[in-house]
Amino acid sequence: MDTPSLLDAIRIAKENERISVESYANAAKKIDTLGRVIFEQLSEFEKFHYAKLTELEKSLEKTG
């Protein structure tokens, strides 16, 4: 069995963040005003995570 690499783990985490962004954004469309604000903030928070993981992924690819 192959052991996942750090890059594999980062890519899995990125996919989970992408799914979270979409889920929170969709929930924000279906809920009242206060809930919408909270889900929009959660979506933005997940976008931040995704961006940081992308930076880490690029850095690891560059440095090996």
C-alpha atoms as a PDB file:
ATOM      1  CA  MET A   1       0.000   0.000   0.000  1.00  0.00           C
ATOM      2  CA  ASP A   2       1.346   3.434  -0.904  1.00  0.00           C
ATOM      3  CA  THR A   3       1.703   5.980   1.864  1.00  0.00           C
ATOM      4  CA  PRO A   4       0.165   9.328   0.887  1.00  0.00           C
ATOM      5  CA  SER A   5       2.655  12.145   0.570  1.00  0.00           C
ATOM      6  CA  LEU A   6       2.375  15.540   2.179  1.00  0.00           C
ATOM      7  CA  LEU A   7       1.269  16.931  -1.178  1.00  0.00           C
ATOM      8  CA  ASP A   8      -1.466  14.285  -1.359  1.00  0.00           C
ATOM      9  CA  ALA A   9      -2.679  15.312   2.092  1.00  0.00           C
ATOM     10  CA  ILE A  10      -2.678  18.989   1.106  1.00  0.00           C
ATOM     11  CA  ARG A  11      -4.653  18.248  -2.044  1.00  0.00           C
ATOM     12  CA  ILE A  12      -7.226  16.277  -0.067  1.00  0.00           C
ATOM     13  CA  ALA A  13      -7.516  19.113   2.442  1.00  0.00           C
ATOM     14  CA  LYS A  14      -7.928  21.614  -0.415  1.00  0.00           C
ATOM     15  CA  GLU A  15     -10.759  19.575  -1.884  1.00  0.00           C
ATOM     16  CA  ASN A  16     -12.469  19.477   1.510  1.00  0.00           C
ATOM     17  CA  GLU A  17     -12.097  23.266   1.814  1.00  0.00           C
ATOM     18  CA  ARG A  18     -13.545  23.741  -1.688  1.00  0.00           C
ATOM     19  CA  ILE A  19     -16.540  21.609  -0.785  1.00  0.00           C
ATOM     20  CA  SER A  20     -17.009  23.580   2.442  1.00  0.00           C
ATOM     21  CA  VAL A  21     -16.922  26.885   0.559  1.00  0.00           C
ATOM     22  CA  GLU A  22     -19.680  25.689  -1.768  1.00  0.00           C
ATOM     23  CA  SER A  23     -21.756  24.189   1.036  1.00  0.00           C
ATOM     24  CA  TYR A  24     -21.660  27.334   3.164  1.00  0.00           C
ATOM     25  CA  ALA A  25     -22.349  29.569   0.164  1.00  0.00           C
ATOM     26  CA  ASN A  26     -25.367  27.445  -0.788  1.00  0.00           C
ATOM     27  CA  ALA A  27     -26.648  27.448   2.791  1.00  0.00           C
ATOM     28  CA  ALA A  28     -26.331  31.237   2.885  1.00  0.00           C
ATOM     29  CA  LYS A  29     -28.728  31.470  -0.052  1.00  0.00           C
ATOM     30  CA  LYS A  30     -31.394  29.441   1.772  1.00  0.00           C
ATOM     31  CA  ILE A  31     -31.504  31.020   5.219  1.00  0.00           C
ATOM     32  CA  ASP A  32     -32.588  34.223   6.952  1.00  0.00           C
ATOM     33  CA  THR A  33     -30.455  37.346   7.154  1.00  0.00           C
ATOM     34  CA  LEU A  34     -28.479  36.551  10.305  1.00  0.00           C
ATOM     35  CA  GLY A  35     -27.844  32.990   9.200  1.00  0.00           C
ATOM     36  CA  ARG A  36     -26.825  34.227   5.766  1.00  0.00           C
ATOM     37  CA  VAL A  37     -24.182  36.501   7.256  1.00  0.00           C
ATOM     38  CA  ILE A  38     -22.772  33.661   9.346  1.00  0.00           C
ATOM     39  CA  PHE A  39     -22.643  31.227   6.424  1.00  0.00           C
ATOM     40  CA  GLU A  40     -21.090  33.869   4.164  1.00  0.00           C
ATOM     41  CA  GLN A  41     -18.398  34.462   6.784  1.00  0.00           C
ATOM     42  CA  LEU A  42     -17.780  30.729   7.096  1.00  0.00           C
ATOM     43  CA  SER A  43     -17.484  30.477   3.322  1.00  0.00           C
ATOM     44  CA  GLU A  44     -14.909  33.286   3.277  1.00  0.00           C
ATOM     45  CA  PHE A  45     -13.004  31.608   6.109  1.00  0.00           C
ATOM     46  CA  GLU A  46     -12.819  28.383   4.081  1.00  0.00           C
ATOM     47  CA  LYS A  47     -11.629  30.352   1.018  1.00  0.00           C
ATOM     48  CA  PHE A  48      -8.789  31.675   3.175  1.00  0.00           C
ATOM     49  CA  HIS A  49      -7.871  28.108   4.205  1.00  0.00           C
ATOM     50  CA  TYR A  50      -7.955  27.028   0.564  1.00  0.00           C
ATOM     51  CA  ALA A  51      -5.648  29.893  -0.451  1.00  0.00           C
ATOM     52  CA  LYS A  52      -3.148  29.080   2.302  1.00  0.00           C
ATOM     53  CA  LEU A  53      -3.142  25.399   1.357  1.00  0.00           C
ATOM     54  CA  THR A  54      -2.552  26.384  -2.281  1.00  0.00           C
ATOM     55  CA  GLU A  55       0.429  28.515  -1.234  1.00  0.00           C
ATOM     56  CA  LEU A  56       1.837  25.600   0.753  1.00  0.00           C
ATOM     57  CA  GLU A  57       1.254  23.203  -2.124  1.00  0.00           C
ATOM     58  CA  LYS A  58       3.078  25.477  -4.585  1.00  0.00           C
ATOM     59  CA  SER A  59       5.943  25.975  -2.165  1.00  0.00           C
ATOM     60  CA  LEU A  60       6.362  22.222  -1.678  1.00  0.00           C
ATOM     61  CA  GLU A  61       6.186  21.585  -5.418  1.00  0.00           C
ATOM     62  CA  LYS A  62       8.822  24.235  -6.006  1.00  0.00           C
ATOM     63  CA  THR A  63      11.221  23.044  -3.313  1.00  0.00           C
ATOM     64  CA  GLY A  64      10.562  19.327  -3.686  1.00  0.00           C
END
